[in-house]
Amino acid sequence: MKFLIIFIQFLVLYGFYLAGEWMSEFLNLPLPGSVIGFLLLFAALALKIYPLRWIESGAQFLLMFLSLYFIPATVGVMNYGDVFTGKGIWLIAIGVFSTLLTMAVSGYLSQRTTQSPREREVE
């Protein structure tokens, strides 16, 4: 029974993706359909149109295998080894900088959003 629930929830998530793809193509939007589908899902959850518990198990199942989704992109980079040759130090520097920037912005935003309005006034 649990497998069937996860499968149905996966189909719902896939439906949001397909709706986004359709909107992107039909409305000729410059955004990828997957991003539009994600925004549709976010709007449905934020506006309480679609409760989180209706997709939670399916999303958790997909998140368990998230690292596997990056394998095709990583293997695809191997085809462009000549582009990266001799630029290793720059790639490392860019990777470290972008990681630190992401951590700093994420930390600031998470602290800012968890503060009450009264605590924000003190700052």
PDB file of N, CA and C in Angstrom:
ATOM      1  N   MET A   1       0.826  -1.195   0.000  1.00  0.00           N
ATOM      2  CA  MET A   1       0.000   0.000   0.000  1.00  0.00           C
ATOM      3  C   MET A   1       0.866   1.253   0.000  1.00  0.00           C
ATOM      4  N   LYS A   2       1.979   1.207   0.787  1.00  0.00           N
ATOM      5  CA  LYS A   2       2.880   2.359   0.867  1.00  0.00           C
ATOM      6  C   LYS A   2       3.480   2.663  -0.506  1.00  0.00           C
ATOM      7  N   PHE A   3       3.833   1.608  -1.249  1.00  0.00           N
ATOM      8  CA  PHE A   3       4.398   1.794  -2.584  1.00  0.00           C
ATOM      9  C   PHE A   3       3.404   2.489  -3.506  1.00  0.00           C
ATOM     10  N   LEU A   4       2.153   2.121  -3.424  1.00  0.00           N
ATOM     11  CA  LEU A   4       1.122   2.731  -4.265  1.00  0.00           C
ATOM     12  C   LEU A   4       0.948   4.211  -3.929  1.00  0.00           C
ATOM     13  N   ILE A   5       0.986   4.551  -2.658  1.00  0.00           N
ATOM     14  CA  ILE A   5       0.858   5.955  -2.244  1.00  0.00           C
ATOM     15  C   ILE A   5       2.031   6.770  -2.783  1.00  0.00           C
ATOM     16  N   ILE A   6       3.246   6.225  -2.645  1.00  0.00           N
ATOM     17  CA  ILE A   6       4.425   6.928  -3.150  1.00  0.00           C
ATOM     18  C   ILE A   6       4.342   7.085  -4.660  1.00  0.00           C
ATOM     19  N   PHE A   7       3.889   6.054  -5.355  1.00  0.00           N
ATOM     20  CA  PHE A   7       3.774   6.114  -6.813  1.00  0.00           C
ATOM     21  C   PHE A   7       2.765   7.184  -7.243  1.00  0.00           C
ATOM     22  N   ILE A   8       1.635   7.252  -6.574  1.00  0.00           N
ATOM     23  CA  ILE A   8       0.616   8.260  -6.906  1.00  0.00           C
ATOM     24  C   ILE A   8       1.152   9.660  -6.619  1.00  0.00           C
ATOM     25  N   GLN A   9       1.849   9.816  -5.505  1.00  0.00           N
ATOM     26  CA  GLN A   9       2.418  11.125  -5.190  1.00  0.00           C
ATOM     27  C   GLN A   9       3.493  11.514  -6.200  1.00  0.00           C
ATOM     28  N   PHE A  10       4.260  10.548  -6.650  1.00  0.00           N
ATOM     29  CA  PHE A  10       5.242  10.805  -7.701  1.00  0.00           C
ATOM     30  C   PHE A  10       4.546  11.258  -8.981  1.00  0.00           C
ATOM     31  N   LEU A  11       3.427  10.630  -9.314  1.00  0.00           N
ATOM     32  CA  LEU A  11       2.674  11.036 -10.505  1.00  0.00           C
ATOM     33  C   LEU A  11       2.138  12.457 -10.371  1.00  0.00           C
ATOM     34  N   VAL A  12       1.735  12.842  -9.175  1.00  0.00           N
ATOM     35  CA  VAL A  12       1.269  14.217  -8.944  1.00  0.00           C
ATOM     36  C   VAL A  12       2.412  15.200  -9.175  1.00  0.00           C
ATOM     37  N   LEU A  13       3.592  14.891  -8.636  1.00  0.00           N
ATOM     38  CA  LEU A  13       4.756  15.755  -8.848  1.00  0.00           C
ATOM     39  C   LEU A  13       5.106  15.831 -10.330  1.00  0.00           C
ATOM     40  N   TYR A  14       5.023  14.714 -11.008  1.00  0.00           N
ATOM     41  CA  TYR A  14       5.281  14.684 -12.448  1.00  0.00           C
ATOM     42  C   TYR A  14       4.227  15.497 -13.195  1.00  0.00           C
ATOM     43  N   GLY A  15       3.001  15.501 -12.699  1.00  0.00           N
ATOM     44  CA  GLY A  15       1.941  16.306 -13.302  1.00  0.00           C
ATOM     45  C   GLY A  15       2.247  17.793 -13.223  1.00  0.00           C
ATOM     46  N   PHE A  16       2.800  18.239 -12.096  1.00  0.00           N
ATOM     47  CA  PHE A  16       3.214  19.644 -11.992  1.00  0.00           C
ATOM     48  C   PHE A  16       4.315  19.952 -13.001  1.00  0.00           C
ATOM     49  N   TYR A  17       5.233  19.015 -13.161  1.00  0.00           N
ATOM     50  CA  TYR A  17       6.295  19.193 -14.156  1.00  0.00           C
ATOM     51  C   TYR A  17       5.707  19.308 -15.564  1.00  0.00           C
ATOM     52  N   LEU A  18       4.791  18.409 -15.894  1.00  0.00           N
ATOM     53  CA  LEU A  18       4.176  18.443 -17.227  1.00  0.00           C
ATOM     54  C   LEU A  18       3.365  19.712 -17.442  1.00  0.00           C
ATOM     55  N   ALA A  19       2.677  20.178 -16.407  1.00  0.00           N
ATOM     56  CA  ALA A  19       1.928  21.435 -16.515  1.00  0.00           C
ATOM     57  C   ALA A  19       2.880  22.594 -16.786  1.00  0.00           C
ATOM     58  N   GLY A  20       4.021  22.594 -16.130  1.00  0.00           N
ATOM     59  CA  GLY A  20       5.015  23.633 -16.370  1.00  0.00           C
ATOM     60  C   GLY A  20       5.576  23.569 -17.775  1.00  0.00           C
ATOM     61  N   GLU A  21       5.844  22.368 -18.268  1.00  0.00           N
ATOM     62  CA  GLU A  21       6.337  22.208 -19.642  1.00  0.00           C
ATOM     63  C   GLU A  21       5.295  22.698 -20.642  1.00  0.00           C
ATOM     64  N   TRP A  22       4.049  22.355 -20.393  1.00  0.00           N
ATOM     65  CA  TRP A  22       2.980  22.791 -21.292  1.00  0.00           C
ATOM     66  C   TRP A  22       2.866  24.310 -21.289  1.00  0.00           C
ATOM     67  N   MET A  23       2.889  24.914 -20.102  1.00  0.00           N
ATOM     68  CA  MET A  23       2.783  26.374 -20.013  1.00  0.00           C
ATOM     69  C   MET A  23       3.961  27.058 -20.697  1.00  0.00           C
ATOM     70  N   SER A  24       5.148  26.506 -20.532  1.00  0.00           N
ATOM     71  CA  SER A  24       6.336  27.097 -21.146  1.00  0.00           C
ATOM     72  C   SER A  24       6.226  27.083 -22.661  1.00  0.00           C
ATOM     73  N   GLU A  25       5.752  25.968 -23.192  1.00  0.00           N
ATOM     74  CA  GLU A  25       5.636  25.855 -24.646  1.00  0.00           C
ATOM     75  C   GLU A  25       4.439  26.642 -25.179  1.00  0.00           C
ATOM     76  N   PHE A  26       3.301  26.531 -24.516  1.00  0.00           N
ATOM     77  CA  PHE A  26       2.077  27.171 -24.997  1.00  0.00           C
ATOM     78  C   PHE A  26       2.162  28.687 -24.917  1.00  0.00           C
ATOM     79  N   LEU A  27       2.713  29.211 -23.820  1.00  0.00           N
ATOM     80  CA  LEU A  27       2.805  30.656 -23.619  1.00  0.00           C
ATOM     81  C   LEU A  27       4.121  31.240 -24.128  1.00  0.00           C
ATOM     82  N   ASN A  28       4.986  30.370 -24.669  1.00  0.00           N
ATOM     83  CA  ASN A  28       6.273  30.786 -25.222  1.00  0.00           C
ATOM     84  C   ASN A  28       7.073  31.590 -24.191  1.00  0.00           C
ATOM     85  N   LEU A  29       7.177  31.045 -22.989  1.00  0.00           N
ATOM     86  CA  LEU A  29       7.883  31.715 -21.896  1.00  0.00           C
ATOM     87  C   LEU A  29       9.383  31.409 -21.965  1.00  0.00           C
ATOM     88  N   PRO A  30      10.222  32.343 -21.522  1.00  0.00           N
ATOM     89  CA  PRO A  30      11.671  32.111 -21.574  1.00  0.00           C
ATOM     90  C   PRO A  30      12.190  31.204 -20.455  1.00  0.00           C
ATOM     91  N   LEU A  31      11.332  30.770 -19.554  1.00  0.00           N
ATOM     92  CA  LEU A  31      11.726  29.882 -18.460  1.00  0.00           C
ATOM     93  C   LEU A  31      11.549  28.425 -18.865  1.00  0.00           C
ATOM     94  N   PRO A  32      12.421  27.542 -18.374  1.00  0.00           N
ATOM     95  CA  PRO A  32      12.218  26.111 -18.631  1.00  0.00           C
ATOM     96  C   PRO A  32      10.936  25.619 -17.961  1.00  0.00           C
ATOM     97  N   GLY A  33      10.317  24.638 -18.553  1.00  0.00           N
ATOM     98  CA  GLY A  33       9.075  24.097 -18.017  1.00  0.00           C
ATOM     99  C   GLY A  33       9.226  23.519 -16.626  1.00  0.00           C
ATOM    100  N   SER A  34      10.385  22.945 -16.338  1.00  0.00           N
ATOM    101  CA  SER A  34      10.593  22.373 -15.007  1.00  0.00           C
ATOM    102  C   SER A  34      10.573  23.459 -13.932  1.00  0.00           C
ATOM    103  N   VAL A  35      11.112  24.636 -14.244  1.00  0.00           N
ATOM    104  CA  VAL A  35      11.098  25.742 -13.281  1.00  0.00           C
ATOM    105  C   VAL A  35       9.670  26.242 -13.085  1.00  0.00           C
ATOM    106  N   ILE A  36       8.924  26.338 -14.170  1.00  0.00           N
ATOM    107  CA  ILE A  36       7.529  26.779 -14.073  1.00  0.00           C
ATOM    108  C   ILE A  36       6.717  25.767 -13.268  1.00  0.00           C
ATOM    109  N   GLY A  37       6.948  24.479 -13.508  1.00  0.00           N
ATOM    110  CA  GLY A  37       6.266  23.448 -12.735  1.00  0.00           C
ATOM    111  C   GLY A  37       6.594  23.537 -11.255  1.00  0.00           C
ATOM    112  N   PHE A  38       7.859  23.808 -10.948  1.00  0.00           N
ATOM    113  CA  PHE A  38       8.264  23.985  -9.550  1.00  0.00           C
ATOM    114  C   PHE A  38       7.560  25.184  -8.932  1.00  0.00           C
ATOM    115  N   LEU A  39       7.457  26.276  -9.688  1.00  0.00           N
ATOM    116  CA  LEU A  39       6.765  27.464  -9.182  1.00  0.00           C
ATOM    117  C   LEU A  39       5.272  27.194  -8.989  1.00  0.00           C
ATOM    118  N   LEU A  40       4.681  26.412  -9.883  1.00  0.00           N
ATOM    119  CA  LEU A  40       3.274  26.034  -9.724  1.00  0.00           C
ATOM    120  C   LEU A  40       3.080  25.205  -8.452  1.00  0.00           C
ATOM    121  N   LEU A  41       3.979  24.256  -8.232  1.00  0.00           N
ATOM    122  CA  LEU A  41       3.909  23.435  -7.024  1.00  0.00           C
ATOM    123  C   LEU A  41       4.085  24.299  -5.780  1.00  0.00           C
ATOM    124  N   PHE A  42       5.050  25.213  -5.815  1.00  0.00           N
ATOM    125  CA  PHE A  42       5.270  26.111  -4.681  1.00  0.00           C
ATOM    126  C   PHE A  42       4.027  26.951  -4.403  1.00  0.00           C
ATOM    127  N   ALA A  43       3.418  27.486  -5.459  1.00  0.00           N
ATOM    128  CA  ALA A  43       2.215  28.311  -5.283  1.00  0.00           C
ATOM    129  C   ALA A  43       1.075  27.482  -4.697  1.00  0.00           C
ATOM    130  N   ALA A  44       0.906  26.263  -5.198  1.00  0.00           N
ATOM    131  CA  ALA A  44      -0.169  25.405  -4.692  1.00  0.00           C
ATOM    132  C   ALA A  44       0.039  25.066  -3.219  1.00  0.00           C
ATOM    133  N   LEU A  45       1.289  24.853  -2.825  1.00  0.00           N
ATOM    134  CA  LEU A  45       1.569  24.548  -1.421  1.00  0.00           C
ATOM    135  C   LEU A  45       1.461  25.794  -0.548  1.00  0.00           C
ATOM    136  N   ALA A  46       1.977  26.920  -1.034  1.00  0.00           N
ATOM    137  CA  ALA A  46       1.959  28.152  -0.239  1.00  0.00           C
ATOM    138  C   ALA A  46       0.544  28.677  -0.036  1.00  0.00           C
ATOM    139  N   LEU A  47      -0.294  28.527  -1.055  1.00  0.00           N
ATOM    140  CA  LEU A  47      -1.672  29.009  -0.958  1.00  0.00           C
ATOM    141  C   LEU A  47      -2.607  27.974  -0.339  1.00  0.00           C
ATOM    142  N   LYS A  48      -2.034  26.868   0.112  1.00  0.00           N
ATOM    143  CA  LYS A  48      -2.796  25.787   0.756  1.00  0.00           C
ATOM    144  C   LYS A  48      -3.854  25.186  -0.170  1.00  0.00           C
ATOM    145  N   ILE A  49      -3.612  25.272  -1.475  1.00  0.00           N
ATOM    146  CA  ILE A  49      -4.495  24.631  -2.444  1.00  0.00           C
ATOM    147  C   ILE A  49      -4.247  23.125  -2.421  1.00  0.00           C
ATOM    148  N   TYR A  50      -2.987  22.772  -2.245  1.00  0.00           N
ATOM    149  CA  TYR A  50      -2.579  21.377  -2.245  1.00  0.00           C
ATOM    150  C   TYR A  50      -1.794  21.117  -0.957  1.00  0.00           C
ATOM    151  N   PRO A  51      -2.303  20.324  -0.035  1.00  0.00           N
ATOM    152  CA  PRO A  51      -1.603  20.084   1.236  1.00  0.00           C
ATOM    153  C   PRO A  51      -0.288  19.323   1.041  1.00  0.00           C
ATOM    154  N   LEU A  52       0.686  19.648   1.840  1.00  0.00           N
ATOM    155  CA  LEU A  52       1.997  19.013   1.758  1.00  0.00           C
ATOM    156  C   LEU A  52       1.914  17.508   1.990  1.00  0.00           C
ATOM    157  N   ARG A  53       1.047  17.078   2.875  1.00  0.00           N
ATOM    158  CA  ARG A  53       0.965  15.648   3.193  1.00  0.00           C
ATOM    159  C   ARG A  53       0.550  14.810   1.986  1.00  0.00           C
ATOM    160  N   TRP A  54      -0.027  15.441   0.954  1.00  0.00           N
ATOM    161  CA  TRP A  54      -0.443  14.704  -0.237  1.00  0.00           C
ATOM    162  C   TRP A  54       0.733  14.348  -1.138  1.00  0.00           C
ATOM    163  N   ILE A  55       1.881  14.980  -0.950  1.00  0.00           N
ATOM    164  CA  ILE A  55       3.044  14.669  -1.789  1.00  0.00           C
ATOM    165  C   ILE A  55       4.299  14.383  -0.971  1.00  0.00           C
ATOM    166  N   GLU A  56       4.197  14.441   0.329  1.00  0.00           N
ATOM    167  CA  GLU A  56       5.382  14.354   1.187  1.00  0.00           C
ATOM    168  C   GLU A  56       6.141  13.038   1.032  1.00  0.00           C
ATOM    169  N   SER A  57       5.462  11.920   1.042  1.00  0.00           N
ATOM    170  CA  SER A  57       6.145  10.624   0.940  1.00  0.00           C
ATOM    171  C   SER A  57       6.818  10.458  -0.414  1.00  0.00           C
ATOM    172  N   GLY A  58       6.138  10.876  -1.465  1.00  0.00           N
ATOM    173  CA  GLY A  58       6.729  10.790  -2.802  1.00  0.00           C
ATOM    174  C   GLY A  58       7.950  11.670  -2.942  1.00  0.00           C
ATOM    175  N   ALA A  59       7.896  12.866  -2.380  1.00  0.00           N
ATOM    176  CA  ALA A  59       9.044  13.774  -2.437  1.00  0.00           C
ATOM    177  C   ALA A  59      10.205  13.217  -1.616  1.00  0.00           C
ATOM    178  N   GLN A  60       9.921  12.653  -0.450  1.00  0.00           N
ATOM    179  CA  GLN A  60      10.980  12.060   0.371  1.00  0.00           C
ATOM    180  C   GLN A  60      11.654  10.905  -0.363  1.00  0.00           C
ATOM    181  N   PHE A  61      10.865  10.110  -1.070  1.00  0.00           N
ATOM    182  CA  PHE A  61      11.422   9.000  -1.837  1.00  0.00           C
ATOM    183  C   PHE A  61      12.367   9.514  -2.916  1.00  0.00           C
ATOM    184  N   LEU A  62      11.967  10.572  -3.622  1.00  0.00           N
ATOM    185  CA  LEU A  62      12.827  11.138  -4.662  1.00  0.00           C
ATOM    186  C   LEU A  62      14.089  11.756  -4.065  1.00  0.00           C
ATOM    187  N   LEU A  63      13.971  12.389  -2.916  1.00  0.00           N
ATOM    188  CA  LEU A  63      15.136  13.013  -2.282  1.00  0.00           C
ATOM    189  C   LEU A  63      16.163  11.984  -1.814  1.00  0.00           C
ATOM    190  N   MET A  64      15.718  10.763  -1.516  1.00  0.00           N
ATOM    191  CA  MET A  64      16.658   9.718  -1.114  1.00  0.00           C
ATOM    192  C   MET A  64      17.660   9.420  -2.223  1.00  0.00           C
ATOM    193  N   PHE A  65      17.257   9.600  -3.471  1.00  0.00           N
ATOM    194  CA  PHE A  65      18.104   9.268  -4.606  1.00  0.00           C
ATOM    195  C   PHE A  65      18.607  10.508  -5.339  1.00  0.00           C
ATOM    196  N   LEU A  66      18.600  11.647  -4.672  1.00  0.00           N
ATOM    197  CA  LEU A  66      18.979  12.911  -5.297  1.00  0.00           C
ATOM    198  C   LEU A  66      20.391  12.868  -5.876  1.00  0.00           C
ATOM    199  N   SER A  67      21.323  12.260  -5.177  1.00  0.00           N
ATOM    200  CA  SER A  67      22.704  12.238  -5.668  1.00  0.00           C
ATOM    201  C   SER A  67      22.829  11.482  -6.989  1.00  0.00           C
ATOM    202  N   LEU A  68      21.973  10.517  -7.226  1.00  0.00           N
ATOM    203  CA  LEU A  68      22.022   9.773  -8.489  1.00  0.00           C
ATOM    204  C   LEU A  68      21.628  10.630  -9.687  1.00  0.00           C
ATOM    205  N   TYR A  69      20.841  11.677  -9.452  1.00  0.00           N
ATOM    206  CA  TYR A  69      20.391  12.526 -10.555  1.00  0.00           C
ATOM    207  C   TYR A  69      21.526  13.366 -11.129  1.00  0.00           C
ATOM    208  N   PHE A  70      22.631  13.514 -10.389  1.00  0.00           N
ATOM    209  CA  PHE A  70      23.753  14.310 -10.863  1.00  0.00           C
ATOM    210  C   PHE A  70      24.756  13.497 -11.669  1.00  0.00           C
ATOM    211  N   ILE A  71      24.644  12.196 -11.687  1.00  0.00           N
ATOM    212  CA  ILE A  71      25.596  11.360 -12.408  1.00  0.00           C
ATOM    213  C   ILE A  71      25.605  11.669 -13.905  1.00  0.00           C
ATOM    214  N   PRO A  72      24.467  11.781 -14.597  1.00  0.00           N
ATOM    215  CA  PRO A  72      24.534  12.089 -16.036  1.00  0.00           C
ATOM    216  C   PRO A  72      25.235  13.413 -16.330  1.00  0.00           C
ATOM    217  N   ALA A  73      25.011  14.426 -15.516  1.00  0.00           N
ATOM    218  CA  ALA A  73      25.675  15.713 -15.736  1.00  0.00           C
ATOM    219  C   ALA A  73      27.178  15.584 -15.521  1.00  0.00           C
ATOM    220  N   THR A  74      27.571  14.838 -14.513  1.00  0.00           N
ATOM    221  CA  THR A  74      28.995  14.654 -14.232  1.00  0.00           C
ATOM    222  C   THR A  74      29.673  13.872 -15.347  1.00  0.00           C
ATOM    223  N   VAL A  75      29.028  12.839 -15.831  1.00  0.00           N
ATOM    224  CA  VAL A  75      29.586  12.055 -16.927  1.00  0.00           C
ATOM    225  C   VAL A  75      29.651  12.901 -18.195  1.00  0.00           C
ATOM    226  N   GLY A  76      28.665  13.755 -18.410  1.00  0.00           N
ATOM    227  CA  GLY A  76      28.664  14.631 -19.580  1.00  0.00           C
ATOM    228  C   GLY A  76      29.828  15.601 -19.580  1.00  0.00           C
ATOM    229  N   VAL A  77      30.272  16.027 -18.408  1.00  0.00           N
ATOM    230  CA  VAL A  77      31.420  16.936 -18.313  1.00  0.00           C
ATOM    231  C   VAL A  77      32.685  16.254 -18.822  1.00  0.00           C
ATOM    232  N   MET A  78      32.757  14.949 -18.693  1.00  0.00           N
ATOM    233  CA  MET A  78      33.941  14.212 -19.149  1.00  0.00           C
ATOM    234  C   MET A  78      34.179  14.387 -20.647  1.00  0.00           C
ATOM    235  N   ASN A  79      33.140  14.653 -21.402  1.00  0.00           N
ATOM    236  CA  ASN A  79      33.292  14.861 -22.842  1.00  0.00           C
ATOM    237  C   ASN A  79      34.001  16.167 -23.168  1.00  0.00           C
ATOM    238  N   TYR A  80      34.067  17.078 -22.207  1.00  0.00           N
ATOM    239  CA  TYR A  80      34.664  18.392 -22.434  1.00  0.00           C
ATOM    240  C   TYR A  80      35.924  18.580 -21.597  1.00  0.00           C
ATOM    241  N   GLY A  81      36.699  17.536 -21.448  1.00  0.00           N
ATOM    242  CA  GLY A  81      37.927  17.606 -20.660  1.00  0.00           C
ATOM    243  C   GLY A  81      38.909  18.629 -21.182  1.00  0.00           C
ATOM    244  N   ASP A  82      38.981  18.791 -22.518  1.00  0.00           N
ATOM    245  CA  ASP A  82      39.918  19.758 -23.097  1.00  0.00           C
ATOM    246  C   ASP A  82      39.568  21.191 -22.700  1.00  0.00           C
ATOM    247  N   VAL A  83      38.306  21.466 -22.452  1.00  0.00           N
ATOM    248  CA  VAL A  83      37.892  22.807 -22.033  1.00  0.00           C
ATOM    249  C   VAL A  83      38.424  23.115 -20.634  1.00  0.00           C
ATOM    250  N   PHE A  84      38.480  22.113 -19.787  1.00  0.00           N
ATOM    251  CA  PHE A  84      38.892  22.310 -18.398  1.00  0.00           C
ATOM    252  C   PHE A  84      40.396  22.139 -18.178  1.00  0.00           C
ATOM    253  N   THR A  85      41.112  21.646 -19.162  1.00  0.00           N
ATOM    254  CA  THR A  85      42.540  21.414 -19.011  1.00  0.00           C
ATOM    255  C   THR A  85      43.276  22.730 -18.778  1.00  0.00           C
ATOM    256  N   GLY A  86      44.111  22.764 -17.753  1.00  0.00           N
ATOM    257  CA  GLY A  86      44.900  23.951 -17.456  1.00  0.00           C
ATOM    258  C   GLY A  86      44.153  25.017 -16.682  1.00  0.00           C
ATOM    259  N   LYS A  87      42.914  24.772 -16.346  1.00  0.00           N
ATOM    260  CA  LYS A  87      42.115  25.763 -15.625  1.00  0.00           C
ATOM    261  C   LYS A  87      41.692  25.250 -14.253  1.00  0.00           C
ATOM    262  N   GLY A  88      42.408  24.260 -13.753  1.00  0.00           N
ATOM    263  CA  GLY A  88      42.036  23.627 -12.495  1.00  0.00           C
ATOM    264  C   GLY A  88      41.998  24.571 -11.318  1.00  0.00           C
ATOM    265  N   ILE A  89      43.001  25.439 -11.201  1.00  0.00           N
ATOM    266  CA  ILE A  89      43.049  26.354 -10.059  1.00  0.00           C
ATOM    267  C   ILE A  89      41.886  27.336 -10.101  1.00  0.00           C
ATOM    268  N   TRP A  90      41.514  27.774 -11.303  1.00  0.00           N
ATOM    269  CA  TRP A  90      40.366  28.686 -11.432  1.00  0.00           C
ATOM    270  C   TRP A  90      39.065  27.978 -11.068  1.00  0.00           C
ATOM    271  N   LEU A  91      38.938  26.737 -11.490  1.00  0.00           N
ATOM    272  CA  LEU A  91      37.729  25.984 -11.157  1.00  0.00           C
ATOM    273  C   LEU A  91      37.612  25.769  -9.651  1.00  0.00           C
ATOM    274  N   ILE A  92      38.731  25.487  -9.004  1.00  0.00           N
ATOM    275  CA  ILE A  92      38.707  25.306  -7.553  1.00  0.00           C
ATOM    276  C   ILE A  92      38.348  26.617  -6.867  1.00  0.00           C
ATOM    277  N   ALA A  93      38.967  27.713  -7.313  1.00  0.00           N
ATOM    278  CA  ALA A  93      38.684  29.022  -6.714  1.00  0.00           C
ATOM    279  C   ALA A  93      37.216  29.405  -6.887  1.00  0.00           C
ATOM    280  N   ILE A  94      36.683  29.190  -8.075  1.00  0.00           N
ATOM    281  CA  ILE A  94      35.276  29.509  -8.335  1.00  0.00           C
ATOM    282  C   ILE A  94      34.367  28.631  -7.478  1.00  0.00           C
ATOM    283  N   GLY A  95      34.697  27.352  -7.375  1.00  0.00           N
ATOM    284  CA  GLY A  95      33.896  26.446  -6.550  1.00  0.00           C
ATOM    285  C   GLY A  95      33.891  26.841  -5.086  1.00  0.00           C
ATOM    286  N   VAL A  96      35.066  27.187  -4.552  1.00  0.00           N
ATOM    287  CA  VAL A  96      35.156  27.597  -3.147  1.00  0.00           C
ATOM    288  C   VAL A  96      34.411  28.906  -2.929  1.00  0.00           C
ATOM    289  N   PHE A  97      34.626  29.883  -3.819  1.00  0.00           N
ATOM    290  CA  PHE A  97      33.959  31.176  -3.672  1.00  0.00           C
ATOM    291  C   PHE A  97      32.440  31.034  -3.733  1.00  0.00           C
ATOM    292  N   SER A  98      31.939  30.290  -4.725  1.00  0.00           N
ATOM    293  CA  SER A  98      30.484  30.155  -4.855  1.00  0.00           C
ATOM    294  C   SER A  98      29.892  29.391  -3.672  1.00  0.00           C
ATOM    295  N   THR A  99      30.621  28.420  -3.145  1.00  0.00           N
ATOM    296  CA  THR A  99      30.147  27.690  -1.969  1.00  0.00           C
ATOM    297  C   THR A  99      30.074  28.603  -0.752  1.00  0.00           C
ATOM    298  N   LEU A 100      31.132  29.389  -0.530  1.00  0.00           N
ATOM    299  CA  LEU A 100      31.136  30.311   0.612  1.00  0.00           C
ATOM    300  C   LEU A 100      30.054  31.373   0.478  1.00  0.00           C
ATOM    301  N   LEU A 101      29.869  31.889  -0.732  1.00  0.00           N
ATOM    302  CA  LEU A 101      28.828  32.891  -0.958  1.00  0.00           C
ATOM    303  C   LEU A 101      27.441  32.302  -0.701  1.00  0.00           C
ATOM    304  N   THR A 102      27.216  31.092  -1.180  1.00  0.00           N
ATOM    305  CA  THR A 102      25.932  30.430  -0.962  1.00  0.00           C
ATOM    306  C   THR A 102      25.686  30.188   0.523  1.00  0.00           C
ATOM    307  N   MET A 103      26.712  29.751   1.229  1.00  0.00           N
ATOM    308  CA  MET A 103      26.568  29.520   2.670  1.00  0.00           C
ATOM    309  C   MET A 103      26.270  30.821   3.410  1.00  0.00           C
ATOM    310  N   ALA A 104      26.955  31.900   3.041  1.00  0.00           N
ATOM    311  CA  ALA A 104      26.749  33.182   3.719  1.00  0.00           C
ATOM    312  C   ALA A 104      25.344  33.720   3.472  1.00  0.00           C
ATOM    313  N   VAL A 105      24.905  33.694   2.230  1.00  0.00           N
ATOM    314  CA  VAL A 105      23.573  34.212   1.902  1.00  0.00           C
ATOM    315  C   VAL A 105      22.493  33.341   2.538  1.00  0.00           C
ATOM    316  N   SER A 106      22.659  32.029   2.480  1.00  0.00           N
ATOM    317  CA  SER A 106      21.672  31.128   3.090  1.00  0.00           C
ATOM    318  C   SER A 106      21.602  31.330   4.597  1.00  0.00           C
ATOM    319  N   GLY A 107      22.745  31.456   5.241  1.00  0.00           N
ATOM    320  CA  GLY A 107      22.763  31.684   6.685  1.00  0.00           C
ATOM    321  C   GLY A 107      22.104  32.994   7.068  1.00  0.00           C
ATOM    322  N   TYR A 108      22.423  34.052   6.320  1.00  0.00           N
ATOM    323  CA  TYR A 108      21.825  35.359   6.607  1.00  0.00           C
ATOM    324  C   TYR A 108      20.310  35.309   6.432  1.00  0.00           C
ATOM    325  N   LEU A 109      19.860  34.735   5.313  1.00  0.00           N
ATOM    326  CA  LEU A 109      18.420  34.683   5.051  1.00  0.00           C
ATOM    327  C   LEU A 109      17.686  33.811   6.062  1.00  0.00           C
ATOM    328  N   SER A 110      18.286  32.705   6.461  1.00  0.00           N
ATOM    329  CA  SER A 110      17.607  31.848   7.441  1.00  0.00           C
ATOM    330  C   SER A 110      17.521  32.539   8.797  1.00  0.00           C
ATOM    331  N   GLN A 111      18.566  33.253   9.194  1.00  0.00           N
ATOM    332  CA  GLN A 111      18.492  33.995  10.454  1.00  0.00           C
ATOM    333  C   GLN A 111      17.495  35.131  10.359  1.00  0.00           C
ATOM    334  N   ARG A 112      17.461  35.794   9.227  1.00  0.00           N
ATOM    335  CA  ARG A 112      16.559  36.935   9.034  1.00  0.00           C
ATOM    336  C   ARG A 112      15.093  36.485   9.050  1.00  0.00           C
ATOM    337  N   THR A 113      14.809  35.355   8.430  1.00  0.00           N
ATOM    338  CA  THR A 113      13.417  34.904   8.361  1.00  0.00           C
ATOM    339  C   THR A 113      12.932  34.291   9.670  1.00  0.00           C
ATOM    340  N   THR A 114      13.848  33.850  10.527  1.00  0.00           N
ATOM    341  CA  THR A 114      13.415  33.267  11.798  1.00  0.00           C
ATOM    342  C   THR A 114      13.306  34.299  12.908  1.00  0.00           C
ATOM    343  N   GLN A 115      13.746  35.521  12.658  1.00  0.00           N
ATOM    344  CA  GLN A 115      13.628  36.577  13.662  1.00  0.00           C
ATOM    345  C   GLN A 115      12.221  37.153  13.660  1.00  0.00           C
ATOM    346  N   SER A 116      11.790  37.577  14.835  1.00  0.00           N
ATOM    347  CA  SER A 116      10.505  38.261  14.928  1.00  0.00           C
ATOM    348  C   SER A 116      10.692  39.708  14.480  1.00  0.00           C
ATOM    349  N   PRO A 117       9.619  40.399  14.100  1.00  0.00           N
ATOM    350  CA  PRO A 117       9.742  41.804  13.684  1.00  0.00           C
ATOM    351  C   PRO A 117      10.383  42.681  14.760  1.00  0.00           C
ATOM    352  N   ARG A 118      10.128  42.379  16.016  1.00  0.00           N
ATOM    353  CA  ARG A 118      10.709  43.166  17.109  1.00  0.00           C
ATOM    354  C   ARG A 118      12.236  43.005  17.133  1.00  0.00           C
ATOM    355  N   GLU A 119      12.725  41.780  16.907  1.00  0.00           N
ATOM    356  CA  GLU A 119      14.168  41.553  16.885  1.00  0.00           C
ATOM    357  C   GLU A 119      14.818  42.249  15.695  1.00  0.00           C
ATOM    358  N   ARG A 120      14.111  42.354  14.580  1.00  0.00           N
ATOM    359  CA  ARG A 120      14.651  43.037  13.402  1.00  0.00           C
ATOM    360  C   ARG A 120      14.814  44.528  13.650  1.00  0.00           C
ATOM    361  N   GLU A 121      13.903  45.124  14.433  1.00  0.00           N
ATOM    362  CA  GLU A 121      13.986  46.555  14.725  1.00  0.00           C
ATOM    363  C   GLU A 121      15.216  46.879  15.554  1.00  0.00           C
ATOM    364  N   VAL A 122      15.635  45.957  16.413  1.00  0.00           N
ATOM    365  CA  VAL A 122      16.801  46.180  17.263  1.00  0.00           C
ATOM    366  C   VAL A 122      18.062  46.303  16.415  1.00  0.00           C
ATOM    367  N   GLU A 123      18.140  45.538  15.344  1.00  0.00           N
ATOM    368  CA  GLU A 123      19.300  45.589  14.457  1.00  0.00           C
ATOM    369  C   GLU A 123      19.286  46.892  13.738  1.00  0.00           C
TER     370      GLU A 123
END
